[in-house]
Amino acid sequence: MARPKKAIKRQEKLTLYYTKSEFRIVSKLADNHGLSKAEFARMKSLDHHLKTRLTPKEVDIYRKLVGISNNLNQLAHAANVGETLTMKIIEALETINHLTDKLR
């Protein structure tokens, strides 16, 4: 099976030279953004907004938040049915606040 054609074919070439320290910085930044060094340099030079990848710690916090949000949804559903679960809801909200503070 042949490789599919690229939508945008780049035909012009630009060679860049970096010092060793600059190259290490560019390499680290490109890795943090999940891009190749060439793609990072291209996007940065064209003033694109780049988002860094989440750290493993941030991914773990987001997973915990998803689990807590599911629990909170179940508590809200139970409260709508008529059960009184205010302490559990307050505890869940405090945990959410604590985790979101860690992300900031």
N, C-alpha and C. Protein backbone atom coordinates (compact mmCIF):
# COMPACT_ATOMS: atom_id res chain seq x y z
N MET A 1 0.85 -1.18 0.00
CA MET A 1 0.00 0.00 0.00
C MET A 1 0.89 1.24 0.00
N ALA A 2 0.60 2.14 -0.88
CA ALA A 2 1.41 3.35 -1.03
C ALA A 2 1.06 4.38 0.04
N ARG A 3 2.03 5.21 0.34
CA ARG A 3 1.81 6.29 1.31
C ARG A 3 0.86 7.31 0.69
N PRO A 4 -0.13 7.81 1.47
CA PRO A 4 -1.05 8.81 0.92
C PRO A 4 -0.32 10.13 0.66
N LYS A 5 -0.80 10.85 -0.34
CA LYS A 5 -0.22 12.14 -0.70
C LYS A 5 -0.51 13.16 0.40
N LYS A 6 0.47 14.04 0.66
CA LYS A 6 0.29 15.11 1.65
C LYS A 6 -0.58 16.20 1.04
N ALA A 7 -1.42 16.80 1.91
CA ALA A 7 -2.29 17.88 1.44
C ALA A 7 -1.47 19.10 1.07
N ILE A 8 -0.43 19.39 1.86
CA ILE A 8 0.43 20.53 1.59
C ILE A 8 1.84 20.00 1.36
N LYS A 9 2.36 20.27 0.19
CA LYS A 9 3.72 19.82 -0.12
C LYS A 9 4.66 21.00 0.07
N ARG A 10 5.62 20.83 0.94
CA ARG A 10 6.60 21.89 1.19
C ARG A 10 7.75 21.73 0.19
N GLN A 11 8.05 22.81 -0.52
CA GLN A 11 9.07 22.74 -1.56
C GLN A 11 10.29 23.58 -1.25
N GLU A 12 10.16 24.54 -0.36
CA GLU A 12 11.27 25.43 -0.05
C GLU A 12 11.97 24.95 1.22
N LYS A 13 13.29 25.16 1.26
CA LYS A 13 14.09 24.67 2.37
C LYS A 13 14.82 25.84 3.01
N LEU A 14 14.89 25.82 4.35
CA LEU A 14 15.62 26.81 5.11
C LEU A 14 16.52 26.07 6.09
N THR A 15 17.80 26.33 6.04
CA THR A 15 18.75 25.68 6.94
C THR A 15 19.03 26.62 8.11
N LEU A 16 18.94 26.09 9.31
CA LEU A 16 19.19 26.87 10.52
C LEU A 16 20.41 26.31 11.24
N TYR A 17 21.17 27.19 11.81
CA TYR A 17 22.31 26.79 12.62
C TYR A 17 22.10 27.28 14.04
N TYR A 18 22.34 26.39 15.00
CA TYR A 18 22.20 26.71 16.41
C TYR A 18 23.52 26.43 17.13
N THR A 19 23.71 27.12 18.24
CA THR A 19 24.80 26.73 19.13
C THR A 19 24.35 25.45 19.83
N LYS A 20 25.26 24.78 20.51
CA LYS A 20 24.89 23.54 21.19
C LYS A 20 23.83 23.80 22.26
N SER A 21 23.97 24.90 22.99
CA SER A 21 22.99 25.19 24.04
C SER A 21 21.63 25.56 23.43
N GLU A 22 21.63 26.32 22.34
CA GLU A 22 20.38 26.66 21.67
C GLU A 22 19.70 25.40 21.14
N PHE A 23 20.50 24.50 20.57
CA PHE A 23 19.95 23.27 20.01
C PHE A 23 19.31 22.42 21.11
N ARG A 24 19.95 22.35 22.28
CA ARG A 24 19.38 21.59 23.39
C ARG A 24 18.05 22.22 23.83
N ILE A 25 18.01 23.55 23.87
CA ILE A 25 16.77 24.24 24.26
C ILE A 25 15.66 23.95 23.26
N VAL A 26 15.97 24.08 21.97
CA VAL A 26 14.97 23.82 20.92
C VAL A 26 14.52 22.37 20.98
N SER A 27 15.45 21.45 21.18
CA SER A 27 15.10 20.03 21.27
C SER A 27 14.17 19.76 22.43
N LYS A 28 14.47 20.35 23.59
CA LYS A 28 13.64 20.15 24.77
C LYS A 28 12.25 20.75 24.58
N LEU A 29 12.19 21.96 24.03
CA LEU A 29 10.90 22.61 23.79
C LEU A 29 10.06 21.81 22.79
N ALA A 30 10.70 21.34 21.73
CA ALA A 30 9.98 20.55 20.73
C ALA A 30 9.43 19.28 21.37
N ASP A 31 10.22 18.64 22.20
CA ASP A 31 9.78 17.42 22.87
C ASP A 31 8.62 17.71 23.82
N ASN A 32 8.70 18.83 24.55
CA ASN A 32 7.62 19.21 25.47
C ASN A 32 6.31 19.46 24.74
N HIS A 33 6.39 19.89 23.50
CA HIS A 33 5.19 20.16 22.71
C HIS A 33 4.78 18.96 21.85
N GLY A 34 5.58 17.90 21.87
CA GLY A 34 5.24 16.71 21.10
C GLY A 34 5.44 16.89 19.61
N LEU A 35 6.42 17.70 19.24
CA LEU A 35 6.69 17.98 17.83
C LEU A 35 8.13 17.64 17.49
N SER A 36 8.38 17.47 16.21
CA SER A 36 9.77 17.34 15.77
C SER A 36 10.42 18.72 15.87
N LYS A 37 11.74 18.74 15.86
CA LYS A 37 12.44 20.03 15.93
C LYS A 37 12.10 20.91 14.74
N ALA A 38 12.00 20.31 13.55
CA ALA A 38 11.67 21.08 12.35
C ALA A 38 10.26 21.65 12.43
N GLU A 39 9.31 20.83 12.86
CA GLU A 39 7.92 21.30 12.97
C GLU A 39 7.81 22.38 14.04
N PHE A 40 8.51 22.21 15.15
CA PHE A 40 8.49 23.22 16.21
C PHE A 40 9.05 24.55 15.69
N ALA A 41 10.21 24.50 15.01
CA ALA A 41 10.83 25.72 14.49
C ALA A 41 9.91 26.39 13.46
N ARG A 42 9.27 25.59 12.61
CA ARG A 42 8.36 26.13 11.60
C ARG A 42 7.18 26.84 12.27
N MET A 43 6.56 26.16 13.23
CA MET A 43 5.37 26.74 13.86
C MET A 43 5.73 27.97 14.69
N LYS A 44 6.86 27.93 15.40
CA LYS A 44 7.27 29.08 16.20
C LYS A 44 7.61 30.27 15.31
N SER A 45 8.29 30.02 14.20
CA SER A 45 8.68 31.12 13.31
C SER A 45 7.46 31.75 12.63
N LEU A 46 6.40 30.98 12.47
CA LEU A 46 5.18 31.50 11.87
C LEU A 46 4.20 32.01 12.93
N ASP A 47 4.66 32.10 14.17
CA ASP A 47 3.91 32.68 15.29
C ASP A 47 2.63 31.92 15.60
N HIS A 48 2.69 30.60 15.50
CA HIS A 48 1.55 29.77 15.89
C HIS A 48 1.53 29.62 17.40
N HIS A 49 0.33 29.50 17.96
CA HIS A 49 0.19 29.26 19.40
C HIS A 49 0.40 27.77 19.64
N LEU A 50 1.35 27.43 20.49
CA LEU A 50 1.67 26.03 20.77
C LEU A 50 1.24 25.67 22.18
N LYS A 51 0.68 24.49 22.34
CA LYS A 51 0.29 24.00 23.65
C LYS A 51 1.27 22.91 24.07
N THR A 52 1.69 22.98 25.33
CA THR A 52 2.58 21.94 25.82
C THR A 52 1.77 20.70 26.16
N ARG A 53 2.43 19.55 26.07
CA ARG A 53 1.77 18.31 26.45
C ARG A 53 1.62 18.27 27.96
N LEU A 54 0.64 17.52 28.41
CA LEU A 54 0.44 17.36 29.85
C LEU A 54 1.52 16.46 30.43
N THR A 55 1.96 16.78 31.63
CA THR A 55 2.91 15.92 32.32
C THR A 55 2.15 14.71 32.84
N PRO A 56 2.86 13.62 33.15
CA PRO A 56 2.18 12.44 33.71
C PRO A 56 1.41 12.78 35.00
N LYS A 57 1.94 13.70 35.80
CA LYS A 57 1.26 14.10 37.03
C LYS A 57 -0.06 14.80 36.70
N GLU A 58 -0.05 15.69 35.69
CA GLU A 58 -1.26 16.39 35.30
C GLU A 58 -2.29 15.43 34.72
N VAL A 59 -1.83 14.44 33.95
CA VAL A 59 -2.74 13.43 33.40
C VAL A 59 -3.42 12.67 34.54
N ASP A 60 -2.63 12.32 35.57
CA ASP A 60 -3.17 11.60 36.72
C ASP A 60 -4.22 12.45 37.44
N ILE A 61 -3.95 13.74 37.59
CA ILE A 61 -4.91 14.62 38.26
C ILE A 61 -6.19 14.73 37.44
N TYR A 62 -6.08 14.84 36.12
CA TYR A 62 -7.27 14.91 35.28
C TYR A 62 -8.09 13.62 35.39
N ARG A 63 -7.43 12.47 35.43
CA ARG A 63 -8.16 11.20 35.58
C ARG A 63 -8.91 11.17 36.91
N LYS A 64 -8.26 11.66 37.97
CA LYS A 64 -8.93 11.71 39.26
C LYS A 64 -10.13 12.65 39.21
N LEU A 65 -9.97 13.77 38.53
CA LEU A 65 -11.09 14.71 38.40
C LEU A 65 -12.26 14.09 37.64
N VAL A 66 -11.97 13.31 36.63
CA VAL A 66 -13.04 12.66 35.87
C VAL A 66 -13.79 11.68 36.76
N GLY A 67 -13.04 10.90 37.56
CA GLY A 67 -13.69 9.97 38.48
C GLY A 67 -14.53 10.69 39.51
N ILE A 68 -14.00 11.79 40.05
CA ILE A 68 -14.75 12.55 41.04
C ILE A 68 -15.99 13.18 40.42
N SER A 69 -15.86 13.65 39.18
CA SER A 69 -17.03 14.27 38.54
C SER A 69 -18.13 13.23 38.32
N ASN A 70 -17.73 11.99 38.02
CA ASN A 70 -18.73 10.92 37.88
C ASN A 70 -19.43 10.67 39.22
N ASN A 71 -18.65 10.63 40.31
CA ASN A 71 -19.23 10.43 41.63
C ASN A 71 -20.16 11.59 42.00
N LEU A 72 -19.73 12.81 41.70
CA LEU A 72 -20.54 13.98 42.00
C LEU A 72 -21.85 13.96 41.22
N ASN A 73 -21.79 13.49 39.97
CA ASN A 73 -22.99 13.38 39.16
C ASN A 73 -23.96 12.37 39.77
N GLN A 74 -23.42 11.26 40.27
CA GLN A 74 -24.27 10.27 40.93
C GLN A 74 -24.89 10.83 42.20
N LEU A 75 -24.12 11.61 42.95
CA LEU A 75 -24.64 12.24 44.17
C LEU A 75 -25.74 13.24 43.83
N ALA A 76 -25.54 14.01 42.78
CA ALA A 76 -26.55 14.99 42.36
C ALA A 76 -27.83 14.27 41.94
N HIS A 77 -27.67 13.16 41.24
CA HIS A 77 -28.84 12.37 40.82
C HIS A 77 -29.59 11.85 42.05
N ALA A 78 -28.85 11.33 43.04
CA ALA A 78 -29.48 10.83 44.27
C ALA A 78 -30.18 11.96 45.01
N ALA A 79 -29.56 13.15 45.01
CA ALA A 79 -30.19 14.30 45.69
C ALA A 79 -31.48 14.70 44.98
N ASN A 80 -31.51 14.59 43.66
CA ASN A 80 -32.71 14.93 42.90
C ASN A 80 -33.84 13.94 43.18
N VAL A 81 -33.48 12.71 43.50
CA VAL A 81 -34.48 11.69 43.81
C VAL A 81 -35.07 11.95 45.20
N GLY A 82 -34.32 12.64 46.05
CA GLY A 82 -34.85 12.99 47.36
C GLY A 82 -33.95 12.58 48.51
N GLU A 83 -32.85 11.91 48.25
CA GLU A 83 -31.94 11.53 49.32
C GLU A 83 -31.14 12.75 49.76
N THR A 84 -30.79 12.81 51.03
CA THR A 84 -29.98 13.92 51.53
C THR A 84 -28.54 13.44 51.68
N LEU A 85 -27.68 13.97 50.85
CA LEU A 85 -26.28 13.55 50.82
C LEU A 85 -25.36 14.76 50.88
N THR A 86 -25.73 15.79 51.59
CA THR A 86 -24.99 17.04 51.54
C THR A 86 -23.53 16.89 51.98
N MET A 87 -23.24 16.09 52.99
CA MET A 87 -21.85 15.93 53.45
C MET A 87 -20.99 15.29 52.36
N LYS A 88 -21.52 14.28 51.68
CA LYS A 88 -20.75 13.62 50.61
C LYS A 88 -20.50 14.59 49.45
N ILE A 89 -21.48 15.41 49.15
CA ILE A 89 -21.33 16.39 48.08
C ILE A 89 -20.27 17.42 48.46
N ILE A 90 -20.31 17.89 49.70
CA ILE A 90 -19.33 18.87 50.16
C ILE A 90 -17.93 18.28 50.13
N GLU A 91 -17.77 17.02 50.53
CA GLU A 91 -16.46 16.36 50.50
C GLU A 91 -15.95 16.25 49.06
N ALA A 92 -16.84 15.89 48.14
CA ALA A 92 -16.44 15.77 46.73
C ALA A 92 -16.01 17.12 46.18
N LEU A 93 -16.75 18.17 46.52
CA LEU A 93 -16.38 19.50 46.04
C LEU A 93 -15.04 19.96 46.62
N GLU A 94 -14.77 19.65 47.88
CA GLU A 94 -13.49 20.00 48.48
C GLU A 94 -12.34 19.27 47.78
N THR A 95 -12.55 18.01 47.44
CA THR A 95 -11.52 17.25 46.72
C THR A 95 -11.27 17.85 45.34
N ILE A 96 -12.34 18.24 44.66
CA ILE A 96 -12.20 18.87 43.34
C ILE A 96 -11.41 20.17 43.46
N ASN A 97 -11.75 20.98 44.44
CA ASN A 97 -11.03 22.23 44.64
C ASN A 97 -9.54 21.99 44.91
N HIS A 98 -9.24 20.97 45.71
CA HIS A 98 -7.85 20.65 46.03
C HIS A 98 -7.09 20.23 44.77
N LEU A 99 -7.70 19.38 43.94
CA LEU A 99 -7.04 18.91 42.72
C LEU A 99 -6.88 20.03 41.70
N THR A 100 -7.86 20.89 41.56
CA THR A 100 -7.73 21.99 40.59
C THR A 100 -6.68 22.99 41.06
N ASP A 101 -6.52 23.15 42.38
CA ASP A 101 -5.45 24.01 42.88
C ASP A 101 -4.09 23.45 42.50
N LYS A 102 -3.94 22.13 42.49
CA LYS A 102 -2.68 21.51 42.10
C LYS A 102 -2.35 21.78 40.64
N LEU A 103 -3.39 21.86 39.80
CA LEU A 103 -3.17 22.09 38.37
C LEU A 103 -2.75 23.52 38.06
N ARG A 104 -3.06 24.45 38.92
CA ARG A 104 -2.75 25.86 38.66
C ARG A 104 -1.32 26.17 38.90
